[in-house]
Amino acid sequence: WLMVASASTGIAEFYTGNPAHFAIR
């Protein structure tokens, strides 16, 4: 979870506007 939360911030913010989107999912 920590890996995904860190690695997904850029793409999550670009597509959803929320850097934590993929971390929450």
mmCIF file of all heavy atoms, coordinates in Angstrom:
data_MODEL
# 
_entry.id   MODEL 
# 
loop_
_atom_site.group_PDB 
_atom_site.id 
_atom_site.type_symbol 
_atom_site.label_atom_id 
_atom_site.label_alt_id 
_atom_site.label_comp_id 
_atom_site.label_asym_id 
_atom_site.label_entity_id 
_atom_site.label_seq_id 
_atom_site.pdbx_PDB_ins_code 
_atom_site.Cartn_x 
_atom_site.Cartn_y 
_atom_site.Cartn_z 
_atom_site.occupancy 
_atom_site.B_iso_or_equiv 
_atom_site.pdbx_formal_charge 
_atom_site.auth_seq_id 
_atom_site.auth_comp_id 
_atom_site.auth_asym_id 
_atom_site.auth_atom_id 
_atom_site.pdbx_PDB_model_num 
ATOM 1   N N   . TRP A 1 1  ? 0.832   -1.204 0.000   1.00 0.00 ? 1  TRP A N   1 
ATOM 2   C CA  . TRP A 1 1  ? 0.000   0.000  0.000   1.00 0.00 ? 1  TRP A CA  1 
ATOM 3   C C   . TRP A 1 1  ? 0.869   1.257  0.000   1.00 0.00 ? 1  TRP A C   1 
ATOM 4   O O   . TRP A 1 1  ? 0.576   2.226  -0.716  1.00 0.00 ? 1  TRP A O   1 
ATOM 5   C CB  . TRP A 1 1  ? -0.922  0.013  1.220   1.00 0.00 ? 1  TRP A CB  1 
ATOM 6   C CG  . TRP A 1 1  ? -1.762  1.261  1.259   1.00 0.00 ? 1  TRP A CG  1 
ATOM 7   C CD1 . TRP A 1 1  ? -2.938  1.487  0.608   1.00 0.00 ? 1  TRP A CD1 1 
ATOM 8   C CD2 . TRP A 1 1  ? -1.440  2.469  1.961   1.00 0.00 ? 1  TRP A CD2 1 
ATOM 9   N NE1 . TRP A 1 1  ? -3.378  2.768  0.858   1.00 0.00 ? 1  TRP A NE1 1 
ATOM 10  C CE2 . TRP A 1 1  ? -2.478  3.395  1.685   1.00 0.00 ? 1  TRP A CE2 1 
ATOM 11  C CE3 . TRP A 1 1  ? -0.386  2.862  2.785   1.00 0.00 ? 1  TRP A CE3 1 
ATOM 12  C CZ2 . TRP A 1 1  ? -2.488  4.681  2.208   1.00 0.00 ? 1  TRP A CZ2 1 
ATOM 13  C CZ3 . TRP A 1 1  ? -0.398  4.146  3.308   1.00 0.00 ? 1  TRP A CZ3 1 
ATOM 14  C CH2 . TRP A 1 1  ? -1.439  5.035  3.021   1.00 0.00 ? 1  TRP A CH2 1 
ATOM 15  N N   . LEU A 1 2  ? 1.941   1.236  0.795   1.00 0.00 ? 2  LEU A N   1 
ATOM 16  C CA  . LEU A 1 2  ? 2.845   2.383  0.846   1.00 0.00 ? 2  LEU A CA  1 
ATOM 17  C C   . LEU A 1 2  ? 3.488   2.629  -0.518  1.00 0.00 ? 2  LEU A C   1 
ATOM 18  O O   . LEU A 1 2  ? 3.603   3.779  -0.968  1.00 0.00 ? 2  LEU A O   1 
ATOM 19  C CB  . LEU A 1 2  ? 3.920   2.144  1.908   1.00 0.00 ? 2  LEU A CB  1 
ATOM 20  C CG  . LEU A 1 2  ? 4.893   3.298  2.183   1.00 0.00 ? 2  LEU A CG  1 
ATOM 21  C CD1 . LEU A 1 2  ? 4.131   4.522  2.689   1.00 0.00 ? 2  LEU A CD1 1 
ATOM 22  C CD2 . LEU A 1 2  ? 5.957   2.861  3.189   1.00 0.00 ? 2  LEU A CD2 1 
ATOM 23  N N   . MET A 1 3  ? 3.883   1.545  -1.203  1.00 0.00 ? 3  MET A N   1 
ATOM 24  C CA  . MET A 1 3  ? 4.479   1.669  -2.536  1.00 0.00 ? 3  MET A CA  1 
ATOM 25  C C   . MET A 1 3  ? 3.501   2.304  -3.517  1.00 0.00 ? 3  MET A C   1 
ATOM 26  O O   . MET A 1 3  ? 3.843   3.230  -4.258  1.00 0.00 ? 3  MET A O   1 
ATOM 27  C CB  . MET A 1 3  ? 4.890   0.287  -3.052  1.00 0.00 ? 3  MET A CB  1 
ATOM 28  C CG  . MET A 1 3  ? 6.105   -0.311 -2.418  1.00 0.00 ? 3  MET A CG  1 
ATOM 29  S SD  . MET A 1 3  ? 6.508   -1.862 -3.274  1.00 0.00 ? 3  MET A SD  1 
ATOM 30  C CE  . MET A 1 3  ? 7.921   -2.414 -2.327  1.00 0.00 ? 3  MET A CE  1 
ATOM 31  N N   . VAL A 1 4  ? 2.276   1.791  -3.532  1.00 0.00 ? 4  VAL A N   1 
ATOM 32  C CA  . VAL A 1 4  ? 1.257   2.291  -4.463  1.00 0.00 ? 4  VAL A CA  1 
ATOM 33  C C   . VAL A 1 4  ? 0.913   3.737  -4.142  1.00 0.00 ? 4  VAL A C   1 
ATOM 34  O O   . VAL A 1 4  ? 0.771   4.574  -5.044  1.00 0.00 ? 4  VAL A O   1 
ATOM 35  C CB  . VAL A 1 4  ? -0.001  1.398  -4.410  1.00 0.00 ? 4  VAL A CB  1 
ATOM 36  C CG1 . VAL A 1 4  ? -1.154  2.049  -5.182  1.00 0.00 ? 4  VAL A CG1 1 
ATOM 37  C CG2 . VAL A 1 4  ? 0.298   0.024  -4.980  1.00 0.00 ? 4  VAL A CG2 1 
ATOM 38  N N   . ALA A 1 5  ? 0.754   4.054  -2.846  1.00 0.00 ? 5  ALA A N   1 
ATOM 39  C CA  . ALA A 1 5  ? 0.404   5.411  -2.441  1.00 0.00 ? 5  ALA A CA  1 
ATOM 40  C C   . ALA A 1 5  ? 1.440   6.416  -2.923  1.00 0.00 ? 5  ALA A C   1 
ATOM 41  O O   . ALA A 1 5  ? 1.106   7.530  -3.365  1.00 0.00 ? 5  ALA A O   1 
ATOM 42  C CB  . ALA A 1 5  ? 0.271   5.487  -0.921  1.00 0.00 ? 5  ALA A CB  1 
ATOM 43  N N   . SER A 1 6  ? 2.719   6.037  -2.869  1.00 0.00 ? 6  SER A N   1 
ATOM 44  C CA  . SER A 1 6  ? 3.778   6.942  -3.293  1.00 0.00 ? 6  SER A CA  1 
ATOM 45  C C   . SER A 1 6  ? 3.910   6.992  -4.810  1.00 0.00 ? 6  SER A C   1 
ATOM 46  O O   . SER A 1 6  ? 4.057   8.073  -5.397  1.00 0.00 ? 6  SER A O   1 
ATOM 47  C CB  . SER A 1 6  ? 5.106   6.510  -2.677  1.00 0.00 ? 6  SER A CB  1 
ATOM 48  O OG  . SER A 1 6  ? 6.157   7.347  -3.117  1.00 0.00 ? 6  SER A OG  1 
ATOM 49  N N   . ALA A 1 7  ? 3.837   5.825  -5.466  1.00 0.00 ? 7  ALA A N   1 
ATOM 50  C CA  . ALA A 1 7  ? 4.094   5.759  -6.906  1.00 0.00 ? 7  ALA A CA  1 
ATOM 51  C C   . ALA A 1 7  ? 2.952   6.305  -7.756  1.00 0.00 ? 7  ALA A C   1 
ATOM 52  O O   . ALA A 1 7  ? 3.152   6.636  -8.927  1.00 0.00 ? 7  ALA A O   1 
ATOM 53  C CB  . ALA A 1 7  ? 4.385   4.313  -7.306  1.00 0.00 ? 7  ALA A CB  1 
ATOM 54  N N   . SER A 1 8  ? 1.756   6.412  -7.187  1.00 0.00 ? 8  SER A N   1 
ATOM 55  C CA  . SER A 1 8  ? 0.570   6.752  -7.996  1.00 0.00 ? 8  SER A CA  1 
ATOM 56  C C   . SER A 1 8  ? 0.142   8.207  -7.886  1.00 0.00 ? 8  SER A C   1 
ATOM 57  O O   . SER A 1 8  ? -0.843  8.608  -8.527  1.00 0.00 ? 8  SER A O   1 
ATOM 58  C CB  . SER A 1 8  ? -0.601  5.856  -7.581  1.00 0.00 ? 8  SER A CB  1 
ATOM 59  O OG  . SER A 1 8  ? -0.982  6.099  -6.240  1.00 0.00 ? 8  SER A OG  1 
ATOM 60  N N   . THR A 1 9  ? 0.840   9.034  -7.106  1.00 0.00 ? 9  THR A N   1 
ATOM 61  C CA  . THR A 1 9  ? 0.362   10.402 -6.857  1.00 0.00 ? 9  THR A CA  1 
ATOM 62  C C   . THR A 1 9  ? 0.263   11.224 -8.141  1.00 0.00 ? 9  THR A C   1 
ATOM 63  O O   . THR A 1 9  ? -0.725  11.932 -8.366  1.00 0.00 ? 9  THR A O   1 
ATOM 64  C CB  . THR A 1 9  ? 1.277   11.125 -5.857  1.00 0.00 ? 9  THR A CB  1 
ATOM 65  O OG1 . THR A 1 9  ? 2.638   11.038 -6.315  1.00 0.00 ? 9  THR A OG1 1 
ATOM 66  C CG2 . THR A 1 9  ? 1.178   10.490 -4.475  1.00 0.00 ? 9  THR A CG2 1 
ATOM 67  N N   . GLY A 1 10 ? 1.265   11.120 -8.990  1.00 0.00 ? 10 GLY A N   1 
ATOM 68  C CA  . GLY A 1 10 ? 1.278   11.920 -10.214 1.00 0.00 ? 10 GLY A CA  1 
ATOM 69  C C   . GLY A 1 10 ? 0.149   11.563 -11.158 1.00 0.00 ? 10 GLY A C   1 
ATOM 70  O O   . GLY A 1 10 ? -0.614  12.437 -11.604 1.00 0.00 ? 10 GLY A O   1 
ATOM 71  N N   . ILE A 1 11 ? 0.024   10.278 -11.464 1.00 0.00 ? 11 ILE A N   1 
ATOM 72  C CA  . ILE A 1 11 ? -1.009  9.849  -12.410 1.00 0.00 ? 11 ILE A CA  1 
ATOM 73  C C   . ILE A 1 11 ? -2.398  10.034 -11.824 1.00 0.00 ? 11 ILE A C   1 
ATOM 74  O O   . ILE A 1 11 ? -3.365  10.349 -12.535 1.00 0.00 ? 11 ILE A O   1 
ATOM 75  C CB  . ILE A 1 11 ? -0.765  8.384  -12.842 1.00 0.00 ? 11 ILE A CB  1 
ATOM 76  C CG1 . ILE A 1 11 ? -1.682  8.023  -14.008 1.00 0.00 ? 11 ILE A CG1 1 
ATOM 77  C CG2 . ILE A 1 11 ? -0.956  7.412  -11.684 1.00 0.00 ? 11 ILE A CG2 1 
ATOM 78  C CD1 . ILE A 1 11 ? -1.356  6.676  -14.632 1.00 0.00 ? 11 ILE A CD1 1 
ATOM 79  N N   . ALA A 1 12 ? -2.529  9.862  -10.500 1.00 0.00 ? 12 ALA A N   1 
ATOM 80  C CA  . ALA A 1 12 ? -3.829  10.036 -9.853  1.00 0.00 ? 12 ALA A CA  1 
ATOM 81  C C   . ALA A 1 12 ? -4.284  11.491 -9.929  1.00 0.00 ? 12 ALA A C   1 
ATOM 82  O O   . ALA A 1 12 ? -5.446  11.781 -10.232 1.00 0.00 ? 12 ALA A O   1 
ATOM 83  C CB  . ALA A 1 12 ? -3.762  9.579  -8.396  1.00 0.00 ? 12 ALA A CB  1 
ATOM 84  N N   . GLU A 1 13 ? -3.376  12.419 -9.673  1.00 0.00 ? 13 GLU A N   1 
ATOM 85  C CA  . GLU A 1 13 ? -3.732  13.836 -9.726  1.00 0.00 ? 13 GLU A CA  1 
ATOM 86  C C   . GLU A 1 13 ? -4.061  14.262 -11.151 1.00 0.00 ? 13 GLU A C   1 
ATOM 87  O O   . GLU A 1 13 ? -4.975  15.063 -11.382 1.00 0.00 ? 13 GLU A O   1 
ATOM 88  C CB  . GLU A 1 13 ? -2.583  14.682 -9.175  1.00 0.00 ? 13 GLU A CB  1 
ATOM 89  C CG  . GLU A 1 13 ? -2.928  16.160 -9.094  1.00 0.00 ? 13 GLU A CG  1 
ATOM 90  C CD  . GLU A 1 13 ? -1.885  16.953 -8.334  1.00 0.00 ? 13 GLU A CD  1 
ATOM 91  O OE1 . GLU A 1 13 ? -0.747  16.446 -8.196  1.00 0.00 ? 13 GLU A OE1 1 
ATOM 92  O OE2 . GLU A 1 13 ? -2.201  18.068 -7.878  1.00 0.00 ? 13 GLU A OE2 1 
ATOM 93  N N   . PHE A 1 14 ? -3.346  13.710 -12.130 1.00 0.00 ? 14 PHE A N   1 
ATOM 94  C CA  . PHE A 1 14 ? -3.566  14.072 -13.529 1.00 0.00 ? 14 PHE A CA  1 
ATOM 95  C C   . PHE A 1 14 ? -4.950  13.635 -14.004 1.00 0.00 ? 14 PHE A C   1 
ATOM 96  O O   . PHE A 1 14 ? -5.663  14.389 -14.672 1.00 0.00 ? 14 PHE A O   1 
ATOM 97  C CB  . PHE A 1 14 ? -2.481  13.449 -14.403 1.00 0.00 ? 14 PHE A CB  1 
ATOM 98  C CG  . PHE A 1 14 ? -2.635  13.743 -15.869 1.00 0.00 ? 14 PHE A CG  1 
ATOM 99  C CD1 . PHE A 1 14 ? -2.203  14.965 -16.389 1.00 0.00 ? 14 PHE A CD1 1 
ATOM 100 C CD2 . PHE A 1 14 ? -3.210  12.817 -16.731 1.00 0.00 ? 14 PHE A CD2 1 
ATOM 101 C CE1 . PHE A 1 14 ? -2.346  15.246 -17.744 1.00 0.00 ? 14 PHE A CE1 1 
ATOM 102 C CE2 . PHE A 1 14 ? -3.356  13.093 -18.085 1.00 0.00 ? 14 PHE A CE2 1 
ATOM 103 C CZ  . PHE A 1 14 ? -2.916  14.301 -18.589 1.00 0.00 ? 14 PHE A CZ  1 
ATOM 104 N N   . TYR A 1 15 ? -5.337  12.396 -13.646 1.00 0.00 ? 15 TYR A N   1 
ATOM 105 C CA  . TYR A 1 15 ? -6.595  11.854 -14.157 1.00 0.00 ? 15 TYR A CA  1 
ATOM 106 C C   . TYR A 1 15 ? -7.807  12.162 -13.280 1.00 0.00 ? 15 TYR A C   1 
ATOM 107 O O   . TYR A 1 15 ? -8.935  12.215 -13.778 1.00 0.00 ? 15 TYR A O   1 
ATOM 108 C CB  . TYR A 1 15 ? -6.477  10.335 -14.333 1.00 0.00 ? 15 TYR A CB  1 
ATOM 109 C CG  . TYR A 1 15 ? -5.678  9.937  -15.544 1.00 0.00 ? 15 TYR A CG  1 
ATOM 110 C CD1 . TYR A 1 15 ? -4.410  9.376  -15.403 1.00 0.00 ? 15 TYR A CD1 1 
ATOM 111 C CD2 . TYR A 1 15 ? -6.165  10.137 -16.820 1.00 0.00 ? 15 TYR A CD2 1 
ATOM 112 C CE1 . TYR A 1 15 ? -3.660  9.007  -16.518 1.00 0.00 ? 15 TYR A CE1 1 
ATOM 113 C CE2 . TYR A 1 15 ? -5.422  9.781  -17.949 1.00 0.00 ? 15 TYR A CE2 1 
ATOM 114 C CZ  . TYR A 1 15 ? -4.177  9.219  -17.788 1.00 0.00 ? 15 TYR A CZ  1 
ATOM 115 O OH  . TYR A 1 15 ? -3.438  8.862  -18.892 1.00 0.00 ? 15 TYR A OH  1 
ATOM 116 N N   . THR A 1 16 ? -7.606  12.348 -11.986 1.00 0.00 ? 16 THR A N   1 
ATOM 117 C CA  . THR A 1 16 ? -8.757  12.526 -11.090 1.00 0.00 ? 16 THR A CA  1 
ATOM 118 C C   . THR A 1 16 ? -8.726  13.823 -10.303 1.00 0.00 ? 16 THR A C   1 
ATOM 119 O O   . THR A 1 16 ? -9.740  14.201 -9.706  1.00 0.00 ? 16 THR A O   1 
ATOM 120 C CB  . THR A 1 16 ? -8.840  11.357 -10.087 1.00 0.00 ? 16 THR A CB  1 
ATOM 121 O OG1 . THR A 1 16 ? -7.750  11.454 -9.149  1.00 0.00 ? 16 THR A OG1 1 
ATOM 122 C CG2 . THR A 1 16 ? -8.776  10.012 -10.785 1.00 0.00 ? 16 THR A CG2 1 
ATOM 123 N N   . GLY A 1 17 ? -7.573  14.505 -10.245 1.00 0.00 ? 17 GLY A N   1 
ATOM 124 C CA  . GLY A 1 17 ? -7.445  15.700 -9.428  1.00 0.00 ? 17 GLY A CA  1 
ATOM 125 C C   . GLY A 1 17 ? -7.176  15.406 -7.967  1.00 0.00 ? 17 GLY A C   1 
ATOM 126 O O   . GLY A 1 17 ? -6.994  16.328 -7.166  1.00 0.00 ? 17 GLY A O   1 
ATOM 127 N N   . ASN A 1 18 ? -7.122  14.134 -7.606  1.00 0.00 ? 18 ASN A N   1 
ATOM 128 C CA  . ASN A 1 18 ? -6.874  13.725 -6.225  1.00 0.00 ? 18 ASN A CA  1 
ATOM 129 C C   . ASN A 1 18 ? -5.629  12.849 -6.179  1.00 0.00 ? 18 ASN A C   1 
ATOM 130 O O   . ASN A 1 18 ? -5.664  11.699 -6.637  1.00 0.00 ? 18 ASN A O   1 
ATOM 131 C CB  . ASN A 1 18 ? -8.080  12.954 -5.684  1.00 0.00 ? 18 ASN A CB  1 
ATOM 132 C CG  . ASN A 1 18 ? -7.871  12.480 -4.245  1.00 0.00 ? 18 ASN A CG  1 
ATOM 133 O OD1 . ASN A 1 18 ? -6.905  12.868 -3.587  1.00 0.00 ? 18 ASN A OD1 1 
ATOM 134 N ND2 . ASN A 1 18 ? -8.775  11.638 -3.762  1.00 0.00 ? 18 ASN A ND2 1 
ATOM 135 N N   . PRO A 1 19 ? -4.515  13.332 -5.645  1.00 0.00 ? 19 PRO A N   1 
ATOM 136 C CA  . PRO A 1 19 ? -3.276  12.539 -5.618  1.00 0.00 ? 19 PRO A CA  1 
ATOM 137 C C   . PRO A 1 19 ? -3.412  11.215 -4.867  1.00 0.00 ? 19 PRO A C   1 
ATOM 138 O O   . PRO A 1 19 ? -2.641  10.287 -5.100  1.00 0.00 ? 19 PRO A O   1 
ATOM 139 C CB  . PRO A 1 19 ? -2.271  13.462 -4.919  1.00 0.00 ? 19 PRO A CB  1 
ATOM 140 C CG  . PRO A 1 19 ? -2.839  14.824 -5.051  1.00 0.00 ? 19 PRO A CG  1 
ATOM 141 C CD  . PRO A 1 19 ? -4.317  14.667 -5.051  1.00 0.00 ? 19 PRO A CD  1 
ATOM 142 N N   . ALA A 1 20 ? -4.395  11.143 -3.958  1.00 0.00 ? 20 ALA A N   1 
ATOM 143 C CA  . ALA A 1 20 ? -4.560  9.931  -3.142  1.00 0.00 ? 20 ALA A CA  1 
ATOM 144 C C   . ALA A 1 20 ? -5.586  8.965  -3.725  1.00 0.00 ? 20 ALA A C   1 
ATOM 145 O O   . ALA A 1 20 ? -5.942  7.978  -3.064  1.00 0.00 ? 20 ALA A O   1 
ATOM 146 C CB  . ALA A 1 20 ? -4.972  10.323 -1.722  1.00 0.00 ? 20 ALA A CB  1 
ATOM 147 N N   . HIS A 1 21 ? -6.049  9.215  -4.944  1.00 0.00 ? 21 HIS A N   1 
ATOM 148 C CA  . HIS A 1 21 ? -7.136  8.394  -5.524  1.00 0.00 ? 21 HIS A CA  1 
ATOM 149 C C   . HIS A 1 21 ? -6.798  6.907  -5.520  1.00 0.00 ? 21 HIS A C   1 
ATOM 150 O O   . HIS A 1 21 ? -7.554  6.078  -4.995  1.00 0.00 ? 21 HIS A O   1 
ATOM 151 C CB  . HIS A 1 21 ? -7.426  8.863  -6.951  1.00 0.00 ? 21 HIS A CB  1 
ATOM 152 C CG  . HIS A 1 21 ? -8.407  7.998  -7.677  1.00 0.00 ? 21 HIS A CG  1 
ATOM 153 N ND1 . HIS A 1 21 ? -9.772  8.063  -7.441  1.00 0.00 ? 21 HIS A ND1 1 
ATOM 154 C CD2 . HIS A 1 21 ? -8.237  7.033  -8.624  1.00 0.00 ? 21 HIS A CD2 1 
ATOM 155 C CE1 . HIS A 1 21 ? -10.390 7.184  -8.212  1.00 0.00 ? 21 HIS A CE1 1 
ATOM 156 N NE2 . HIS A 1 21 ? -9.484  6.551  -8.937  1.00 0.00 ? 21 HIS A NE2 1 
ATOM 157 N N   . PHE A 1 22 ? -5.645  6.551  -6.093  1.00 0.00 ? 22 PHE A N   1 
ATOM 158 C CA  . PHE A 1 22 ? -5.286  5.134  -6.190  1.00 0.00 ? 22 PHE A CA  1 
ATOM 159 C C   . PHE A 1 22 ? -4.898  4.564  -4.826  1.00 0.00 ? 22 PHE A C   1 
ATOM 160 O O   . PHE A 1 22 ? -5.095  3.374  -4.572  1.00 0.00 ? 22 PHE A O   1 
ATOM 161 C CB  . PHE A 1 22 ? -4.151  4.933  -7.196  1.00 0.00 ? 22 PHE A CB  1 
ATOM 162 C CG  . PHE A 1 22 ? -4.573  5.162  -8.619  1.00 0.00 ? 22 PHE A CG  1 
ATOM 163 C CD1 . PHE A 1 22 ? -4.081  6.235  -9.340  1.00 0.00 ? 22 PHE A CD1 1 
ATOM 164 C CD2 . PHE A 1 22 ? -5.476  4.311  -9.237  1.00 0.00 ? 22 PHE A CD2 1 
ATOM 165 C CE1 . PHE A 1 22 ? -4.473  6.466  -10.650 1.00 0.00 ? 22 PHE A CE1 1 
ATOM 166 C CE2 . PHE A 1 22 ? -5.879  4.522  -10.546 1.00 0.00 ? 22 PHE A CE2 1 
ATOM 167 C CZ  . PHE A 1 22 ? -5.380  5.605  -11.256 1.00 0.00 ? 22 PHE A CZ  1 
ATOM 168 N N   . ALA A 1 23 ? -4.354  5.400  -3.955  1.00 0.00 ? 23 ALA A N   1 
ATOM 169 C CA  . ALA A 1 23 ? -4.019  4.946  -2.600  1.00 0.00 ? 23 ALA A CA  1 
ATOM 170 C C   . ALA A 1 23 ? -5.288  4.550  -1.848  1.00 0.00 ? 23 ALA A C   1 
ATOM 171 O O   . ALA A 1 23 ? -5.314  3.533  -1.136  1.00 0.00 ? 23 ALA A O   1 
ATOM 172 C CB  . ALA A 1 23 ? -3.264  6.030  -1.846  1.00 0.00 ? 23 ALA A CB  1 
ATOM 173 N N   . ILE A 1 24 ? -6.345  5.353  -1.999  1.00 0.00 ? 24 ILE A N   1 
ATOM 174 C CA  . ILE A 1 24 ? -7.616  5.050  -1.332  1.00 0.00 ? 24 ILE A CA  1 
ATOM 175 C C   . ILE A 1 24 ? -8.226  3.774  -1.895  1.00 0.00 ? 24 ILE A C   1 
ATOM 176 O O   . ILE A 1 24 ? -8.700  2.904  -1.158  1.00 0.00 ? 24 ILE A O   1 
ATOM 177 C CB  . ILE A 1 24 ? -8.584  6.233  -1.480  1.00 0.00 ? 24 ILE A CB  1 
ATOM 178 C CG1 . ILE A 1 24 ? -8.043  7.450  -0.718  1.00 0.00 ? 24 ILE A CG1 1 
ATOM 179 C CG2 . ILE A 1 24 ? -9.978  5.861  -0.974  1.00 0.00 ? 24 ILE A CG2 1 
ATOM 180 C CD1 . ILE A 1 24 ? -8.801  8.737  -0.984  1.00 0.00 ? 24 ILE A CD1 1 
ATOM 181 N N   . ARG A 1 25 ? -8.218  3.642  -3.218  1.00 0.00 ? 25 ARG A N   1 
ATOM 182 C CA  . ARG A 1 25 ? -8.774  2.436  -3.847  1.00 0.00 ? 25 ARG A CA  1 
ATOM 183 C C   . ARG A 1 25 ? -7.989  1.192  -3.439  1.00 0.00 ? 25 ARG A C   1 
ATOM 184 O O   . ARG A 1 25 ? -8.557  0.136  -3.161  1.00 0.00 ? 25 ARG A O   1 
ATOM 185 C CB  . ARG A 1 25 ? -8.772  2.582  -5.375  1.00 0.00 ? 25 ARG A CB  1 
ATOM 186 C CG  . ARG A 1 25 ? -9.830  3.534  -5.901  1.00 0.00 ? 25 ARG A CG  1 
ATOM 187 C CD  . ARG A 1 25 ? -9.736  3.663  -7.415  1.00 0.00 ? 25 ARG A CD  1 
ATOM 188 N NE  . ARG A 1 25 ? -9.989  2.383  -8.070  1.00 0.00 ? 25 ARG A NE  1 
ATOM 189 C CZ  . ARG A 1 25 ? -11.194 1.957  -8.445  1.00 0.00 ? 25 ARG A CZ  1 
ATOM 190 N NH1 . ARG A 1 25 ? -12.265 2.706  -8.207  1.00 0.00 ? 25 ARG A NH1 1 
ATOM 191 N NH2 . ARG A 1 25 ? -11.339 0.804  -9.067  1.00 0.00 ? 25 ARG A NH2 1 
# 
